[in-house]
Amino acid sequence: MKFAHMADIHLGSWKEPKLRTLNSCAFTEAIDTCILEKVDFVLISGDLFNTSLPPIESLKTSVSELKKLKDASIPVYGIAGSHDFSPSGRTMLEILEEADFLINVYKGNVVNGQLELDFTTDKRTGAKITGIIGKKGMLEKKYYEELSKESLEAEEGFKIFMFHTALSELKAQGMEMMDSASVSLLPTGFEYYAGGHVHIVNHTNLEGYKNIVYPGPLFPNSFSELEKLNHGGFYIYDDGVVEFRQVKLCGVFPITVDCEAKTAQQATELILSKIDGCDVMDSIVLLRLSGVLETGKTSEIQVKRIMSKLYDNGAYFVMRNTSKLRSKEFDDLGIVTVNPDEAEEIAIADHVGKIKSLGMSLDEEKCMLRDLMSALDIEKEEGQRQSDHELRSVREATKVVEKIRSPQE
C-alpha cells in the first residue's frame, strides 16, 4: 500500500502575487509527485484553502490539480480544516465532493448522545479511513469528547484516522498558548494518524498510537514559517515506510540585523554591509531587523535602497520583518508594535468573557470573535465592485451574529 499525506495547503494564503504563485506551484508539484510515484490514494488533512470563500484562481488551481489525480484514477480523501469553514458552517469542499474530485471521510451519526463515525473504504487497497474535522477555537474538541471509540477500535483491517487538531503531547516550542487536546481523545489501534492544523513536520509513535504524522504546510504561510521551515512538503507511506518529501521551489535566504543603539542612517549602512556580496539569486530573502534605534525613526531607515540592492542581486522576492525594531523615542513612551495577527489575538484576549449575556464558554466566544474578524476581513473577489464586497462582508458577519442569537442552529 502506498499513499500520500498532505495538509495545510492554504491555497490563496499570500497576498503578494509572487508568493501566491509559489503556494499554488507547491500544490502542483506535490500532485505531480503523487502521480509519478503511482500512489494508491491521497489524504488531505484540512485547510486545502486559506479561506472559506477562496479567490477564483485558487479554486481553479484546486480543480485543475485534483482533476489530474482523478484522471490518473487516484482518489483523494479529505476532511475540512479550520480555515475551510465559513462563518455559516459551509465549506468549499462540499462542491469538490459533489464534482467527484474529493471524498469527505467525516461521516457518521449521533446515536444516544454519542458520535458514531463510519469508515470510508478505499476500493483498491481496502484501507479503512475516517476522521474528524477541525474548527476554529478548538471547537472540534466536543466531537472527540462525544466520540464512540469502541466500534472504531474493534474494526479490523488497515485503518487511517484523519484529524485537524493540535495534540498537547506534540506541541513544539513556541506553541504553548495554542489550543490543543490530549492524544487520548483519539481512538487507539490505527495504522496511521494523518494530522493537520499544526504547521510542524513530525512523525512519531506514542503508546497505543502508531504513525502520528504532521506533514506541516505544503508551502510556508508566513515570514516566521519560512524562517523555521524554509520549504514545505508532505509524507508518503509505502508499505510501512514513512518518508517526508520536501517541496523546494526556490532558495530561502535569511538575513538578521541587530540595529541596537544605531541611528537610522547607521542602521541603513549596517544592513547594506550585511547584504553586500550575499548570493541571493532566485531566493526569497527574509530580512529581520531588531533593536532600539538611538536616534531617528524606524521609517527613516532607507528601505527602498536596501530592497533595490537585493533585487539587483537577483532576489526572487524580499520580505522584511520589523516587529522587534523600535525607535528610542517610542520605546520611552512604552509603545510596542505587533503584527496584525498578534494584534487580533491581543484584542480578543482583552475582550473575551466581558459580555456575560452571551451564554458562551470562553473557547466558543473566542471562536465567535475570530469568525467576526474573518467575515469583516473577507477578501475582495476579482472584478467585484467595492459596494458588493462590503455587502458580502456584512452578510457573512450577520450570519455569525445570527448563530449567536440561535445557538441551537
Protein backbone atom coordinates (compact mmCIF):
# COMPACT_ATOMS: atom_id res chain seq x y z
CA MET A 1 0.00 0.00 0.00
CA LYS A 2 1.27 3.44 -0.95
CA PHE A 3 -0.38 6.76 -0.19
CA ALA A 4 0.46 10.45 0.16
CA HIS A 5 -0.48 12.61 3.11
CA MET A 6 -0.57 16.40 2.88
CA ALA A 7 -2.26 19.16 4.86
CA ASP A 8 -2.42 22.92 5.35
CA ILE A 9 -2.10 23.72 1.67
CA HIS A 10 -3.78 27.11 2.23
CA LEU A 11 -4.36 27.94 -1.43
CA GLY A 12 -4.66 31.72 -1.71
CA SER A 13 -2.87 32.42 1.56
CA TRP A 14 -0.38 35.01 0.32
CA LYS A 15 -1.40 38.50 -0.79
CA GLU A 16 1.90 39.00 -2.63
CA PRO A 17 1.45 37.64 -6.20
CA LYS A 18 4.92 36.02 -6.36
CA LEU A 19 4.42 34.10 -3.11
CA ARG A 20 0.85 33.19 -4.00
CA THR A 21 2.21 31.71 -7.23
CA LEU A 22 4.75 29.65 -5.27
CA ASN A 23 1.97 28.44 -3.00
CA SER A 24 0.00 27.17 -6.00
CA CYS A 25 3.12 25.71 -7.63
CA ALA A 26 3.85 23.74 -4.45
CA PHE A 27 0.45 22.07 -4.74
CA THR A 28 1.08 21.33 -8.41
CA GLU A 29 4.48 19.79 -7.68
CA ALA A 30 3.07 17.65 -4.86
CA ILE A 31 0.27 16.33 -7.09
CA ASP A 32 2.73 15.63 -9.94
CA THR A 33 4.92 13.68 -7.49
CA CYS A 34 1.94 11.62 -6.34
CA ILE A 35 1.14 10.70 -9.95
CA LEU A 36 4.77 9.93 -10.75
CA GLU A 37 5.08 7.78 -7.61
CA LYS A 38 1.83 5.99 -8.53
CA VAL A 39 0.34 6.29 -5.06
CA ASP A 40 -2.88 4.42 -4.40
CA PHE A 41 -4.61 7.46 -2.89
CA VAL A 42 -4.01 10.91 -1.40
CA LEU A 43 -5.02 12.23 2.04
CA ILE A 44 -5.63 15.95 2.65
CA SER A 45 -5.97 16.64 6.37
CA GLY A 46 -7.69 20.01 6.23
CA ASP A 47 -7.11 23.59 5.10
CA LEU A 48 -6.96 23.00 1.37
CA PHE A 49 -7.96 26.66 1.11
CA ASN A 50 -6.89 29.60 3.23
CA THR A 51 -10.42 30.99 3.42
CA SER A 52 -13.88 29.51 3.14
CA LEU A 53 -14.54 31.63 0.03
CA PRO A 54 -11.27 31.36 -1.89
CA PRO A 55 -10.33 33.54 -4.88
CA ILE A 56 -11.33 32.20 -8.29
CA GLU A 57 -7.68 31.48 -9.17
CA SER A 58 -7.26 29.31 -6.05
CA LEU A 59 -10.44 27.40 -6.83
CA LYS A 60 -9.27 26.87 -10.42
CA THR A 61 -5.92 25.56 -9.16
CA SER A 62 -7.59 23.08 -6.82
CA VAL A 63 -9.94 21.78 -9.51
CA SER A 64 -7.16 21.52 -12.11
CA GLU A 65 -4.83 19.56 -9.84
CA LEU A 66 -7.49 17.31 -8.31
CA LYS A 67 -8.72 16.52 -11.84
CA LYS A 68 -5.22 15.29 -12.71
CA LEU A 69 -5.48 12.83 -9.84
CA LYS A 70 -8.94 11.75 -10.89
CA ASP A 71 -7.75 11.18 -14.46
CA ALA A 72 -4.93 9.04 -13.03
CA SER A 73 -7.51 7.02 -11.03
CA ILE A 74 -6.02 8.22 -7.72
CA PRO A 75 -8.81 9.02 -5.22
CA VAL A 76 -8.47 11.86 -2.73
CA TYR A 77 -9.78 11.54 0.82
CA GLY A 78 -10.06 14.62 2.98
CA ILE A 79 -11.53 16.46 5.92
CA ALA A 80 -12.29 20.16 6.38
CA GLY A 81 -9.90 22.26 8.40
CA SER A 82 -10.43 25.37 10.49
CA HIS A 83 -9.74 27.67 7.52
CA ASP A 84 -12.11 25.80 5.20
CA PHE A 85 -15.27 26.74 7.11
CA SER A 86 -17.29 29.90 6.52
CA PRO A 87 -18.96 31.63 9.49
CA SER A 88 -22.20 29.92 8.38
CA GLY A 89 -20.54 26.49 8.70
CA ARG A 90 -20.36 25.67 4.99
CA THR A 91 -17.20 24.65 3.15
CA MET A 92 -15.97 24.69 -0.44
CA LEU A 93 -15.08 21.01 -0.02
CA GLU A 94 -18.77 20.25 -0.49
CA ILE A 95 -18.50 21.49 -4.08
CA LEU A 96 -15.35 19.45 -4.74
CA GLU A 97 -17.04 16.35 -3.36
CA GLU A 98 -20.14 16.96 -5.47
CA ALA A 99 -17.86 17.16 -8.53
CA ASP A 100 -16.30 13.82 -7.51
CA PHE A 101 -12.82 15.30 -7.01
CA LEU A 102 -12.63 14.53 -3.28
CA ILE A 103 -14.25 12.21 -0.76
CA ASN A 104 -15.03 13.68 2.67
CA VAL A 105 -14.37 10.93 5.23
CA TYR A 106 -16.03 12.73 8.13
CA LYS A 107 -19.25 10.74 8.06
CA GLY A 108 -21.44 9.33 10.78
CA ASN A 109 -24.37 9.94 13.08
CA VAL A 110 -25.08 10.92 16.67
CA VAL A 111 -26.70 7.99 18.47
CA ASN A 112 -27.82 8.40 22.09
CA GLY A 113 -25.56 11.39 22.51
CA GLN A 114 -22.51 9.64 21.06
CA LEU A 115 -20.82 10.31 17.73
CA GLU A 116 -20.71 7.10 15.68
CA LEU A 117 -18.24 7.51 12.80
CA ASP A 118 -18.39 5.48 9.60
CA PHE A 119 -15.39 4.18 7.67
CA THR A 120 -14.78 5.00 4.01
CA THR A 121 -13.08 2.03 2.35
CA ASP A 122 -10.58 2.58 -0.44
CA LYS A 123 -11.57 0.18 -3.24
CA ARG A 124 -8.05 -0.56 -4.47
CA THR A 125 -6.29 -1.22 -1.17
CA GLY A 126 -9.09 -1.94 1.29
CA ALA A 127 -7.77 0.77 3.63
CA LYS A 128 -10.48 2.00 6.01
CA ILE A 129 -10.44 5.76 6.51
CA THR A 130 -12.34 8.00 8.89
CA GLY A 131 -11.71 11.21 10.78
CA ILE A 132 -12.93 14.39 12.43
CA ILE A 133 -12.95 17.91 11.03
CA GLY A 134 -11.09 20.87 12.52
CA LYS A 135 -12.80 24.09 13.61
CA LYS A 136 -11.60 27.45 14.82
CA GLY A 137 -11.11 27.90 18.54
CA MET A 138 -10.65 24.15 19.09
CA LEU A 139 -14.44 23.69 18.91
CA GLU A 140 -13.96 20.25 17.38
CA LYS A 141 -12.93 19.03 20.84
CA LYS A 142 -16.57 18.38 21.69
CA TYR A 143 -16.74 15.88 18.81
CA TYR A 144 -13.88 13.91 20.36
CA GLU A 145 -15.50 14.04 23.78
CA GLU A 146 -18.69 12.58 22.29
CA LEU A 147 -16.86 10.09 20.06
CA SER A 148 -17.73 6.42 20.41
CA LYS A 149 -14.28 4.87 20.11
CA GLU A 150 -15.13 1.24 20.84
CA SER A 151 -16.51 0.37 17.40
CA LEU A 152 -13.65 2.16 15.67
CA GLU A 153 -11.05 0.30 17.72
CA ALA A 154 -12.80 -3.04 17.20
CA GLU A 155 -12.82 -2.68 13.40
CA GLU A 156 -10.29 -4.96 11.72
CA GLY A 157 -8.02 -4.11 8.80
CA PHE A 158 -5.67 -1.28 7.85
CA LYS A 159 -7.19 1.83 9.44
CA ILE A 160 -6.37 5.51 8.98
CA PHE A 161 -7.64 8.30 11.23
CA MET A 162 -7.58 11.86 9.85
CA PHE A 163 -7.63 14.85 12.21
CA HIS A 164 -7.05 18.61 12.13
CA THR A 165 -6.17 19.30 15.75
CA ALA A 166 -3.14 20.20 17.84
CA LEU A 167 -2.12 17.36 20.17
CA SER A 168 -0.84 18.54 23.54
CA GLU A 169 1.87 15.87 23.61
CA LEU A 170 3.38 17.02 20.31
CA LYS A 171 3.27 20.81 20.53
CA ALA A 172 6.60 22.35 19.60
CA GLN A 173 8.40 25.16 21.40
CA GLY A 174 6.58 28.45 20.94
CA MET A 175 3.19 26.74 20.67
CA GLU A 176 2.48 26.68 24.40
CA MET A 177 -0.53 29.02 24.05
CA MET A 178 -2.10 27.08 21.17
CA ASP A 179 -5.38 25.34 22.00
CA SER A 180 -4.84 21.59 21.99
CA ALA A 181 -6.25 18.21 23.02
CA SER A 182 -4.72 15.10 24.52
CA VAL A 183 -3.86 12.24 22.18
CA SER A 184 -6.03 10.04 24.42
CA LEU A 185 -9.11 11.53 22.72
CA LEU A 186 -8.15 9.69 19.52
CA PRO A 187 -9.15 6.05 19.04
CA THR A 188 -6.26 3.60 19.51
CA GLY A 189 -5.04 0.84 17.24
CA PHE A 190 -4.96 2.61 13.87
CA GLU A 191 -2.05 2.11 11.48
CA TYR A 192 -1.75 5.78 10.57
CA TYR A 193 -2.93 9.07 12.11
CA ALA A 194 -2.99 11.75 9.41
CA GLY A 195 -2.78 15.10 11.17
CA GLY A 196 -3.11 18.69 10.11
CA HIS A 197 -3.50 22.20 11.54
CA VAL A 198 -0.16 22.35 13.37
CA HIS A 199 2.49 23.67 10.98
CA ILE A 200 5.28 21.36 12.09
CA VAL A 201 6.91 18.37 10.42
CA ASN A 202 6.61 15.47 12.83
CA HIS A 203 6.35 11.69 12.59
CA THR A 204 6.22 9.89 15.90
CA ASN A 205 4.80 6.92 17.79
CA LEU A 206 3.13 7.06 21.20
CA GLU A 207 1.83 4.21 23.32
CA GLY A 208 -1.26 2.87 21.55
CA TYR A 209 -0.79 5.27 18.65
CA LYS A 210 1.38 4.29 15.69
CA ASN A 211 2.48 6.72 12.97
CA ILE A 212 1.13 10.03 14.25
CA VAL A 213 2.11 12.34 11.41
CA TYR A 214 2.02 16.10 10.87
CA PRO A 215 3.33 16.99 7.38
CA GLY A 216 3.37 20.74 8.05
CA PRO A 217 2.32 23.21 5.35
CA LEU A 218 2.84 22.36 1.71
CA PHE A 219 4.33 25.84 1.41
CA PRO A 220 5.17 28.05 4.44
CA ASN A 221 2.43 30.56 5.21
CA SER A 222 4.27 33.35 6.99
CA PHE A 223 7.62 35.06 7.44
CA SER A 224 8.36 33.05 10.59
CA GLU A 225 7.42 29.75 8.91
CA LEU A 226 9.78 30.49 6.05
CA GLU A 227 12.47 31.14 8.66
CA LYS A 228 11.82 27.90 10.54
CA LEU A 229 10.96 25.53 7.71
CA ASN A 230 12.45 27.15 4.57
CA HIS A 231 10.27 24.86 2.47
CA GLY A 232 7.09 22.84 2.76
CA GLY A 233 6.40 19.22 1.95
CA PHE A 234 4.30 16.12 2.53
CA TYR A 235 4.67 12.46 3.51
CA ILE A 236 4.47 9.27 1.50
CA TYR A 237 3.64 5.98 3.22
CA ASP A 238 4.98 2.98 1.30
CA ASP A 239 4.32 -0.45 2.86
CA GLY A 240 5.22 0.67 6.38
CA VAL A 241 7.95 3.16 5.45
CA VAL A 242 7.02 6.80 6.13
CA GLU A 243 9.15 9.30 4.21
CA PHE A 244 8.98 13.10 4.08
CA ARG A 245 9.14 14.64 0.61
CA GLN A 246 10.32 18.23 0.54
CA VAL A 247 8.75 20.60 -1.97
CA LYS A 248 11.55 23.03 -2.75
CA LEU A 249 10.72 25.66 -5.35
CA CYS A 250 13.41 28.25 -4.63
CA GLY A 251 16.03 29.13 -2.05
CA VAL A 252 15.34 30.94 1.22
CA PHE A 253 18.00 33.37 2.42
CA PRO A 254 17.52 34.78 5.98
CA ILE A 255 19.36 37.97 6.97
CA THR A 256 19.15 39.16 10.57
CA VAL A 257 20.47 42.58 11.59
CA ASP A 258 20.62 43.97 15.14
CA CYS A 259 20.24 47.76 14.95
CA GLU A 260 20.60 48.32 18.68
CA ALA A 261 21.92 51.82 19.64
CA LYS A 262 22.31 52.84 15.98
CA THR A 263 20.98 55.93 14.28
CA ALA A 264 18.64 55.37 11.35
CA GLN A 265 21.47 56.21 8.96
CA GLN A 266 23.93 53.90 10.73
CA ALA A 267 21.33 51.12 10.65
CA THR A 268 20.91 51.60 6.91
CA GLU A 269 24.65 51.34 6.30
CA LEU A 270 24.91 48.31 8.59
CA ILE A 271 22.16 46.49 6.72
CA LEU A 272 23.75 47.32 3.36
CA SER A 273 27.09 45.95 4.57
CA LYS A 274 25.38 42.74 5.74
CA ILE A 275 23.81 42.07 2.34
CA ASP A 276 26.88 43.05 0.37
CA GLY A 277 28.15 40.01 -1.54
CA CYS A 278 25.26 37.74 -0.49
CA ASP A 279 24.26 35.21 -3.13
CA VAL A 280 20.50 35.71 -3.14
CA MET A 281 19.89 34.75 -6.76
CA ASP A 282 16.33 33.41 -7.23
CA SER A 283 15.84 33.26 -3.46
CA ILE A 284 13.23 34.56 -1.05
CA VAL A 285 15.16 36.97 1.18
CA LEU A 286 13.96 37.26 4.78
CA LEU A 287 15.26 40.49 6.26
CA ARG A 288 14.62 40.63 10.01
CA LEU A 289 15.53 43.85 11.83
CA SER A 290 15.63 44.22 15.60
CA GLY A 291 16.86 46.53 18.35
CA VAL A 292 16.13 50.04 19.59
CA LEU A 293 17.41 52.91 17.46
CA GLU A 294 19.31 55.51 19.47
CA THR A 295 18.00 58.37 17.34
CA GLY A 296 15.68 58.69 14.39
CA LYS A 297 12.51 56.86 13.45
CA THR A 298 12.33 53.33 12.08
CA SER A 299 10.69 54.82 8.97
CA GLU A 300 13.91 56.77 8.30
CA ILE A 301 15.83 53.57 7.53
CA GLN A 302 16.32 53.61 3.75
CA VAL A 303 14.30 50.52 2.99
CA LYS A 304 13.89 51.26 -0.75
CA ARG A 305 17.66 51.48 -1.15
CA ILE A 306 18.13 48.18 0.67
CA MET A 307 15.40 46.41 -1.29
CA SER A 308 16.74 47.72 -4.60
CA LYS A 309 20.17 46.30 -3.86
CA LEU A 310 18.75 42.88 -3.02
CA TYR A 311 16.66 42.81 -6.21
CA ASP A 312 19.66 43.99 -8.23
CA ASN A 313 21.50 40.96 -6.80
CA GLY A 314 18.80 38.67 -8.25
CA ALA A 315 16.45 38.08 -5.28
CA TYR A 316 13.15 36.49 -6.29
CA PHE A 317 11.24 38.23 -3.51
CA VAL A 318 12.24 40.26 -0.45
CA MET A 319 10.31 40.20 2.82
CA ARG A 320 11.14 42.29 5.86
CA ASN A 321 10.08 41.93 9.46
CA THR A 322 10.45 44.91 11.80
CA SER A 323 8.24 43.71 14.65
CA LYS A 324 11.24 43.84 17.03
CA LEU A 325 12.64 47.12 15.70
CA ARG A 326 11.79 50.28 17.62
CA SER A 327 12.99 53.82 18.00
CA LYS A 328 14.07 55.09 21.40
CA GLU A 329 11.54 57.89 21.50
CA PHE A 330 8.64 55.46 21.06
CA ASP A 331 10.23 52.91 23.36
CA ASP A 332 10.37 55.53 26.11
CA LEU A 333 6.63 56.06 25.64
CA GLY A 334 6.03 52.35 26.12
CA ILE A 335 4.69 51.82 22.60
CA VAL A 336 5.25 48.34 21.25
CA THR A 337 4.48 47.32 17.67
CA VAL A 338 2.98 43.95 16.85
CA ASN A 339 1.96 42.26 13.64
CA PRO A 340 -1.75 42.14 12.66
CA ASP A 341 -2.27 38.54 13.81
CA GLU A 342 -0.80 39.33 17.23
CA ALA A 343 -2.94 42.49 17.42
CA GLU A 344 -6.09 40.43 16.76
CA GLU A 345 -5.23 37.90 19.46
CA ILE A 346 -4.46 40.70 21.95
CA ALA A 347 -7.83 42.33 21.16
CA ILE A 348 -9.63 39.00 21.64
CA ALA A 349 -7.85 38.33 24.93
CA ASP A 350 -8.75 41.82 26.18
CA HIS A 351 -12.47 41.47 25.46
CA VAL A 352 -13.35 37.78 25.77
CA GLY A 353 -15.65 36.94 28.68
CA LYS A 354 -16.76 40.51 29.36
CA ILE A 355 -20.29 40.10 27.95
CA LYS A 356 -21.88 37.58 30.29
CA SER A 357 -25.25 37.58 28.49
CA LEU A 358 -23.81 35.68 25.50
CA GLY A 359 -24.03 32.43 27.45
CA MET A 360 -20.89 31.05 25.77
CA SER A 361 -17.80 29.32 27.05
CA LEU A 362 -14.56 31.27 26.63
CA ASP A 363 -13.49 28.97 23.78
CA GLU A 364 -16.81 29.47 21.97
CA GLU A 365 -16.60 33.23 22.43
CA LYS A 366 -13.03 33.30 21.09
CA CYS A 367 -14.17 31.34 18.05
CA MET A 368 -17.09 33.74 17.50
CA LEU A 369 -14.78 36.77 17.67
CA ARG A 370 -12.35 35.18 15.20
CA ASP A 371 -15.27 34.38 12.88
CA LEU A 372 -16.43 38.00 13.02
CA MET A 373 -12.93 39.26 12.23
CA SER A 374 -12.69 36.76 9.39
CA ALA A 375 -16.06 37.82 7.99
CA LEU A 376 -15.19 41.51 8.11
CA ASP A 377 -11.78 40.86 6.54
CA ILE A 378 -13.14 38.75 3.69
CA GLU A 379 -11.11 39.04 0.51
CA LYS A 380 -12.40 41.02 -2.44
CA GLU A 381 -13.10 38.82 -5.45
CA GLU A 382 -11.62 39.53 -8.86
CA GLY A 383 -13.72 42.16 -10.65
CA GLN A 384 -16.05 42.64 -7.69
CA ARG A 385 -17.34 46.14 -7.00
CA GLN A 386 -16.37 47.67 -3.67
CA SER A 387 -20.03 48.08 -2.67
CA ASP A 388 -20.73 44.40 -3.39
CA HIS A 389 -17.61 43.37 -1.45
CA GLU A 390 -18.74 45.41 1.56
CA LEU A 391 -22.25 43.96 1.36
CA ARG A 392 -20.81 40.44 1.23
CA SER A 393 -18.73 41.13 4.35
CA VAL A 394 -21.80 42.43 6.18
CA ARG A 395 -23.80 39.34 5.19
CA GLU A 396 -21.08 36.99 6.46
CA ALA A 397 -20.84 38.94 9.73
CA THR A 398 -24.63 38.82 10.06
CA LYS A 399 -24.54 35.03 9.77
CA VAL A 400 -22.12 34.93 12.71
CA VAL A 401 -24.42 37.17 14.77
CA GLU A 402 -27.47 35.07 13.87
CA LYS A 403 -25.68 31.95 15.12
CA ILE A 404 -25.15 33.73 18.45
CA ARG A 405 -28.86 34.52 18.66
CA SER A 406 -29.83 30.96 17.72
CA PRO A 407 -27.11 28.69 19.21
CA GLN A 408 -29.29 25.63 18.70
CA GLU A 409 -28.80 26.05 14.94
